[in-house]
Amino acid sequence: MIKAQITFEDFEKVDIRVGTVTKVEDFPEARKSAYKLTIDFGELGIKYSSAQIVKNQTKEDLVGKQVICVVNFAPRQIGPFISEVLTLGVSDGTEDESNWVILSSFKKVPNGGNIK
């Protein structure tokens, strides 16, 4: 099902950037299986994200990987952790809530690069 149509101006309000994962930690306090990610966005600095991606990516797979994130949502409290950015992914088609496959850059690009 396609969501409601938005304008290009609506889309321009979403700040989507590339960052490199520098650290991945288990997040046992989360209600659903998740990792805590530390992501370097270059000039934007270091940001933190909770991501439900444990079924399709290992911690070792993620360190050094460039990921795509929304950086201008309000921070969200998830248990004892503040998630500052939304790491984007796509469902692998299963019903599992931790089944997301991370979106990443095809080639290495500068951290903080803006998705257009």
N, C-alpha and C. Protein backbone atom coordinates (compact mmCIF):
# COMPACT_ATOMS: atom_id res chain seq x y z
N MET A 1 0.85 -1.19 0.00
CA MET A 1 0.00 0.00 0.00
C MET A 1 0.89 1.24 0.00
N ILE A 2 0.63 2.15 -0.90
CA ILE A 2 1.38 3.40 -0.99
C ILE A 2 0.79 4.39 -0.01
N LYS A 3 1.68 5.10 0.70
CA LYS A 3 1.23 6.12 1.65
C LYS A 3 0.70 7.34 0.91
N ALA A 4 0.09 8.26 1.65
CA ALA A 4 -0.48 9.46 1.06
C ALA A 4 0.59 10.27 0.32
N GLN A 5 0.21 10.84 -0.78
CA GLN A 5 1.12 11.64 -1.59
C GLN A 5 1.56 12.90 -0.82
N ILE A 6 2.83 13.23 -0.95
CA ILE A 6 3.36 14.45 -0.33
C ILE A 6 3.95 15.33 -1.43
N THR A 7 4.23 16.56 -1.07
CA THR A 7 4.84 17.48 -2.04
C THR A 7 6.36 17.34 -1.98
N PHE A 8 7.02 17.84 -3.00
CA PHE A 8 8.48 17.85 -2.99
C PHE A 8 8.99 18.71 -1.83
N GLU A 9 8.27 19.76 -1.50
CA GLU A 9 8.65 20.61 -0.37
C GLU A 9 8.61 19.83 0.94
N ASP A 10 7.64 18.92 1.09
CA ASP A 10 7.60 18.05 2.28
C ASP A 10 8.85 17.19 2.33
N PHE A 11 9.22 16.58 1.22
CA PHE A 11 10.40 15.74 1.16
C PHE A 11 11.67 16.52 1.50
N GLU A 12 11.75 17.76 1.04
CA GLU A 12 12.94 18.58 1.30
C GLU A 12 13.14 18.88 2.78
N LYS A 13 12.12 18.74 3.59
CA LYS A 13 12.24 18.97 5.03
C LYS A 13 12.99 17.83 5.73
N VAL A 14 13.04 16.66 5.11
CA VAL A 14 13.71 15.51 5.71
C VAL A 14 15.19 15.57 5.36
N ASP A 15 16.04 15.61 6.38
CA ASP A 15 17.49 15.70 6.19
C ASP A 15 18.08 14.30 6.30
N ILE A 16 18.41 13.72 5.14
CA ILE A 16 18.93 12.36 5.07
C ILE A 16 20.42 12.45 4.75
N ARG A 17 21.24 11.81 5.61
CA ARG A 17 22.70 11.91 5.48
C ARG A 17 23.36 10.55 5.54
N VAL A 18 24.61 10.51 5.09
CA VAL A 18 25.44 9.32 5.15
C VAL A 18 26.40 9.47 6.33
N GLY A 19 26.57 8.39 7.09
CA GLY A 19 27.54 8.37 8.18
C GLY A 19 28.18 6.99 8.26
N THR A 20 29.33 6.94 8.92
CA THR A 20 30.05 5.67 9.09
C THR A 20 29.87 5.16 10.51
N VAL A 21 29.46 3.91 10.63
CA VAL A 21 29.29 3.27 11.93
C VAL A 21 30.68 3.03 12.53
N THR A 22 30.90 3.59 13.72
CA THR A 22 32.20 3.44 14.39
C THR A 22 32.15 2.47 15.56
N LYS A 23 30.94 2.23 16.08
CA LYS A 23 30.80 1.33 17.23
C LYS A 23 29.40 0.73 17.22
N VAL A 24 29.32 -0.55 17.59
CA VAL A 24 28.03 -1.25 17.68
C VAL A 24 28.00 -1.98 19.02
N GLU A 25 26.91 -1.78 19.76
CA GLU A 25 26.75 -2.45 21.05
C GLU A 25 25.41 -3.16 21.08
N ASP A 26 25.36 -4.27 21.81
CA ASP A 26 24.08 -4.91 22.08
C ASP A 26 23.22 -3.95 22.89
N PHE A 27 21.91 -4.09 22.78
CA PHE A 27 20.98 -3.21 23.49
C PHE A 27 19.92 -4.09 24.19
N PRO A 28 20.34 -4.81 25.25
CA PRO A 28 19.42 -5.74 25.90
C PRO A 28 18.23 -5.07 26.57
N GLU A 29 18.32 -3.79 26.86
CA GLU A 29 17.20 -3.08 27.52
C GLU A 29 16.07 -2.74 26.55
N ALA A 30 16.30 -2.83 25.26
CA ALA A 30 15.27 -2.51 24.26
C ALA A 30 14.17 -3.57 24.30
N ARG A 31 12.91 -3.15 24.08
CA ARG A 31 11.79 -4.08 24.05
C ARG A 31 11.92 -5.08 22.91
N LYS A 32 12.44 -4.63 21.77
CA LYS A 32 12.64 -5.48 20.60
C LYS A 32 14.14 -5.55 20.34
N SER A 33 14.61 -6.67 19.81
CA SER A 33 16.04 -6.86 19.57
C SER A 33 16.61 -5.70 18.75
N ALA A 34 17.69 -5.09 19.28
CA ALA A 34 18.26 -3.93 18.62
C ALA A 34 19.74 -3.80 18.97
N TYR A 35 20.42 -2.98 18.19
CA TYR A 35 21.78 -2.56 18.48
C TYR A 35 21.77 -1.08 18.81
N LYS A 36 22.78 -0.63 19.55
CA LYS A 36 23.07 0.78 19.73
C LYS A 36 24.23 1.09 18.78
N LEU A 37 24.01 2.03 17.87
CA LEU A 37 25.02 2.40 16.89
C LEU A 37 25.61 3.76 17.23
N THR A 38 26.91 3.89 17.08
CA THR A 38 27.60 5.17 17.13
C THR A 38 28.00 5.46 15.69
N ILE A 39 27.58 6.64 15.18
CA ILE A 39 27.76 6.94 13.76
C ILE A 39 28.46 8.29 13.60
N ASP A 40 29.50 8.32 12.77
CA ASP A 40 30.26 9.54 12.48
C ASP A 40 29.68 10.20 11.24
N PHE A 41 29.17 11.43 11.42
CA PHE A 41 28.60 12.19 10.32
C PHE A 41 29.51 13.35 9.90
N GLY A 42 30.81 13.21 10.08
CA GLY A 42 31.75 14.25 9.65
C GLY A 42 31.51 15.54 10.39
N GLU A 43 31.27 16.63 9.64
CA GLU A 43 31.07 17.95 10.25
C GLU A 43 29.86 18.02 11.17
N LEU A 44 28.90 17.11 11.00
CA LEU A 44 27.72 17.08 11.89
C LEU A 44 28.05 16.44 13.22
N GLY A 45 29.18 15.74 13.30
CA GLY A 45 29.61 15.11 14.54
C GLY A 45 29.16 13.68 14.69
N ILE A 46 29.32 13.17 15.89
CA ILE A 46 28.95 11.81 16.25
C ILE A 46 27.50 11.80 16.72
N LYS A 47 26.72 10.85 16.21
CA LYS A 47 25.32 10.71 16.61
C LYS A 47 25.08 9.24 16.98
N TYR A 48 23.98 9.01 17.72
CA TYR A 48 23.66 7.69 18.22
C TYR A 48 22.29 7.25 17.70
N SER A 49 22.17 5.94 17.44
CA SER A 49 20.93 5.41 16.90
C SER A 49 20.66 4.02 17.48
N SER A 50 19.39 3.76 17.79
CA SER A 50 18.95 2.41 18.12
C SER A 50 18.36 1.84 16.84
N ALA A 51 18.82 0.64 16.45
CA ALA A 51 18.37 0.07 15.18
C ALA A 51 18.00 -1.40 15.36
N GLN A 52 16.81 -1.75 14.89
CA GLN A 52 16.31 -3.12 14.98
C GLN A 52 16.79 -3.91 13.75
N ILE A 53 18.08 -4.21 13.74
CA ILE A 53 18.69 -4.83 12.57
C ILE A 53 19.50 -6.07 12.93
N VAL A 54 19.25 -6.64 14.09
CA VAL A 54 20.11 -7.72 14.60
C VAL A 54 19.98 -9.03 13.84
N LYS A 55 18.90 -9.27 13.13
CA LYS A 55 18.70 -10.54 12.45
C LYS A 55 19.50 -10.64 11.15
N ASN A 56 19.77 -9.53 10.50
CA ASN A 56 20.41 -9.56 9.18
C ASN A 56 21.80 -8.95 9.13
N GLN A 57 22.27 -8.35 10.22
CA GLN A 57 23.60 -7.77 10.27
C GLN A 57 24.25 -8.11 11.60
N THR A 58 25.52 -8.50 11.55
CA THR A 58 26.26 -8.71 12.79
C THR A 58 26.93 -7.40 13.16
N LYS A 59 27.38 -7.33 14.40
CA LYS A 59 28.12 -6.13 14.83
C LYS A 59 29.35 -5.94 13.96
N GLU A 60 30.01 -7.05 13.63
CA GLU A 60 31.23 -6.97 12.80
C GLU A 60 30.91 -6.49 11.38
N ASP A 61 29.74 -6.86 10.85
CA ASP A 61 29.32 -6.38 9.53
C ASP A 61 29.16 -4.87 9.50
N LEU A 62 28.73 -4.31 10.62
CA LEU A 62 28.33 -2.91 10.65
C LEU A 62 29.48 -1.93 10.88
N VAL A 63 30.46 -2.31 11.67
CA VAL A 63 31.56 -1.37 11.97
C VAL A 63 32.30 -1.05 10.68
N GLY A 64 32.41 0.25 10.40
CA GLY A 64 33.06 0.71 9.18
C GLY A 64 32.12 0.88 8.01
N LYS A 65 30.88 0.41 8.14
CA LYS A 65 29.89 0.50 7.07
C LYS A 65 29.26 1.89 7.04
N GLN A 66 29.10 2.43 5.84
CA GLN A 66 28.37 3.68 5.72
C GLN A 66 26.88 3.39 5.67
N VAL A 67 26.11 4.13 6.46
CA VAL A 67 24.67 3.93 6.57
C VAL A 67 23.94 5.22 6.24
N ILE A 68 22.68 5.08 5.91
CA ILE A 68 21.83 6.21 5.54
C ILE A 68 20.88 6.49 6.71
N CYS A 69 20.83 7.74 7.14
CA CYS A 69 20.04 8.10 8.33
C CYS A 69 19.29 9.41 8.14
N VAL A 70 18.15 9.52 8.80
CA VAL A 70 17.45 10.79 8.94
C VAL A 70 18.04 11.45 10.17
N VAL A 71 18.59 12.67 10.00
CA VAL A 71 19.29 13.31 11.11
C VAL A 71 18.51 14.46 11.74
N ASN A 72 17.33 14.79 11.22
CA ASN A 72 16.62 15.94 11.79
C ASN A 72 15.29 15.59 12.45
N PHE A 73 15.10 14.32 12.84
CA PHE A 73 13.97 13.99 13.72
C PHE A 73 14.36 14.35 15.15
N ALA A 74 13.37 14.62 15.97
CA ALA A 74 13.64 14.88 17.38
C ALA A 74 14.23 13.62 18.01
N PRO A 75 15.18 13.77 18.95
CA PRO A 75 15.72 12.59 19.64
C PRO A 75 14.60 11.80 20.31
N ARG A 76 14.81 10.48 20.41
CA ARG A 76 13.78 9.61 20.97
C ARG A 76 14.38 8.77 22.09
N GLN A 77 13.70 8.78 23.22
CA GLN A 77 14.13 7.98 24.38
C GLN A 77 13.68 6.54 24.16
N ILE A 78 14.65 5.62 24.15
CA ILE A 78 14.35 4.20 24.01
C ILE A 78 15.00 3.52 25.21
N GLY A 79 14.20 3.22 26.21
CA GLY A 79 14.75 2.71 27.47
C GLY A 79 15.71 3.73 28.04
N PRO A 80 16.92 3.31 28.40
CA PRO A 80 17.89 4.23 28.99
C PRO A 80 18.73 4.98 27.94
N PHE A 81 18.39 4.81 26.66
CA PHE A 81 19.21 5.32 25.55
C PHE A 81 18.47 6.40 24.78
N ILE A 82 19.20 7.43 24.35
CA ILE A 82 18.63 8.48 23.49
C ILE A 82 19.07 8.20 22.06
N SER A 83 18.12 7.92 21.19
CA SER A 83 18.41 7.71 19.77
C SER A 83 18.25 9.05 19.07
N GLU A 84 19.34 9.53 18.48
CA GLU A 84 19.35 10.87 17.87
C GLU A 84 19.04 10.88 16.39
N VAL A 85 19.28 9.76 15.72
CA VAL A 85 19.02 9.68 14.28
C VAL A 85 18.28 8.39 13.98
N LEU A 86 17.55 8.38 12.86
CA LEU A 86 16.84 7.19 12.42
C LEU A 86 17.67 6.53 11.32
N THR A 87 18.19 5.35 11.61
CA THR A 87 18.96 4.59 10.63
C THR A 87 17.96 3.87 9.73
N LEU A 88 18.09 4.08 8.43
CA LEU A 88 17.11 3.56 7.48
C LEU A 88 17.43 2.14 7.04
N GLY A 89 16.38 1.37 6.83
CA GLY A 89 16.52 0.01 6.35
C GLY A 89 15.23 -0.42 5.69
N VAL A 90 15.26 -1.61 5.16
CA VAL A 90 14.08 -2.19 4.51
C VAL A 90 13.84 -3.57 5.09
N SER A 91 12.58 -3.94 5.24
CA SER A 91 12.23 -5.25 5.78
C SER A 91 12.71 -6.35 4.84
N ASP A 92 13.15 -7.46 5.41
CA ASP A 92 13.54 -8.59 4.57
C ASP A 92 12.34 -9.44 4.16
N GLY A 93 11.14 -8.98 4.51
CA GLY A 93 9.92 -9.67 4.09
C GLY A 93 9.37 -10.65 5.10
N THR A 94 10.07 -10.85 6.21
CA THR A 94 9.56 -11.75 7.24
C THR A 94 8.76 -10.94 8.25
N GLU A 95 8.10 -11.63 9.14
CA GLU A 95 7.27 -10.98 10.16
C GLU A 95 8.07 -10.52 11.37
N ASP A 96 9.33 -10.93 11.48
CA ASP A 96 10.17 -10.61 12.64
C ASP A 96 10.40 -9.11 12.72
N GLU A 97 10.31 -8.57 13.93
CA GLU A 97 10.45 -7.12 14.13
C GLU A 97 11.90 -6.64 14.06
N SER A 98 12.85 -7.56 14.07
CA SER A 98 14.27 -7.18 14.01
C SER A 98 14.90 -7.61 12.69
N ASN A 99 14.10 -7.59 11.63
CA ASN A 99 14.52 -8.17 10.37
C ASN A 99 15.01 -7.15 9.35
N TRP A 100 15.21 -5.92 9.75
CA TRP A 100 15.56 -4.87 8.80
C TRP A 100 16.95 -5.07 8.21
N VAL A 101 17.07 -4.76 6.94
CA VAL A 101 18.35 -4.77 6.25
C VAL A 101 18.75 -3.31 6.08
N ILE A 102 19.92 -2.97 6.58
CA ILE A 102 20.38 -1.59 6.61
C ILE A 102 20.57 -1.04 5.18
N LEU A 103 20.25 0.22 4.98
CA LEU A 103 20.56 0.88 3.72
C LEU A 103 21.95 1.49 3.84
N SER A 104 22.76 1.31 2.81
CA SER A 104 24.11 1.84 2.85
C SER A 104 24.48 2.41 1.50
N SER A 105 25.61 3.09 1.47
CA SER A 105 26.09 3.71 0.25
C SER A 105 26.76 2.67 -0.64
N PHE A 106 26.53 2.74 -1.94
CA PHE A 106 27.12 1.82 -2.90
C PHE A 106 28.64 2.01 -2.97
N LYS A 107 29.08 3.27 -2.89
CA LYS A 107 30.50 3.61 -2.87
C LYS A 107 30.77 4.48 -1.65
N LYS A 108 32.00 4.50 -1.19
CA LYS A 108 32.36 5.35 -0.05
C LYS A 108 32.24 6.81 -0.46
N VAL A 109 31.56 7.57 0.37
CA VAL A 109 31.35 9.00 0.15
C VAL A 109 31.70 9.74 1.43
N PRO A 110 31.84 11.06 1.38
CA PRO A 110 32.17 11.80 2.61
C PRO A 110 31.07 11.67 3.66
N ASN A 111 31.48 11.43 4.92
CA ASN A 111 30.53 11.39 6.03
C ASN A 111 29.80 12.72 6.11
N GLY A 112 28.51 12.66 6.35
CA GLY A 112 27.69 13.86 6.44
C GLY A 112 27.09 14.25 5.10
N GLY A 113 27.46 13.53 4.04
CA GLY A 113 26.91 13.85 2.72
C GLY A 113 25.39 13.77 2.72
N ASN A 114 24.78 14.73 2.06
CA ASN A 114 23.32 14.87 2.03
C ASN A 114 22.74 14.06 0.88
N ILE A 115 21.71 13.29 1.18
CA ILE A 115 21.00 12.52 0.15
C ILE A 115 20.06 13.48 -0.59
N LYS A 116 20.11 13.44 -1.89
CA LYS A 116 19.27 14.34 -2.70
C LYS A 116 18.30 13.52 -3.51
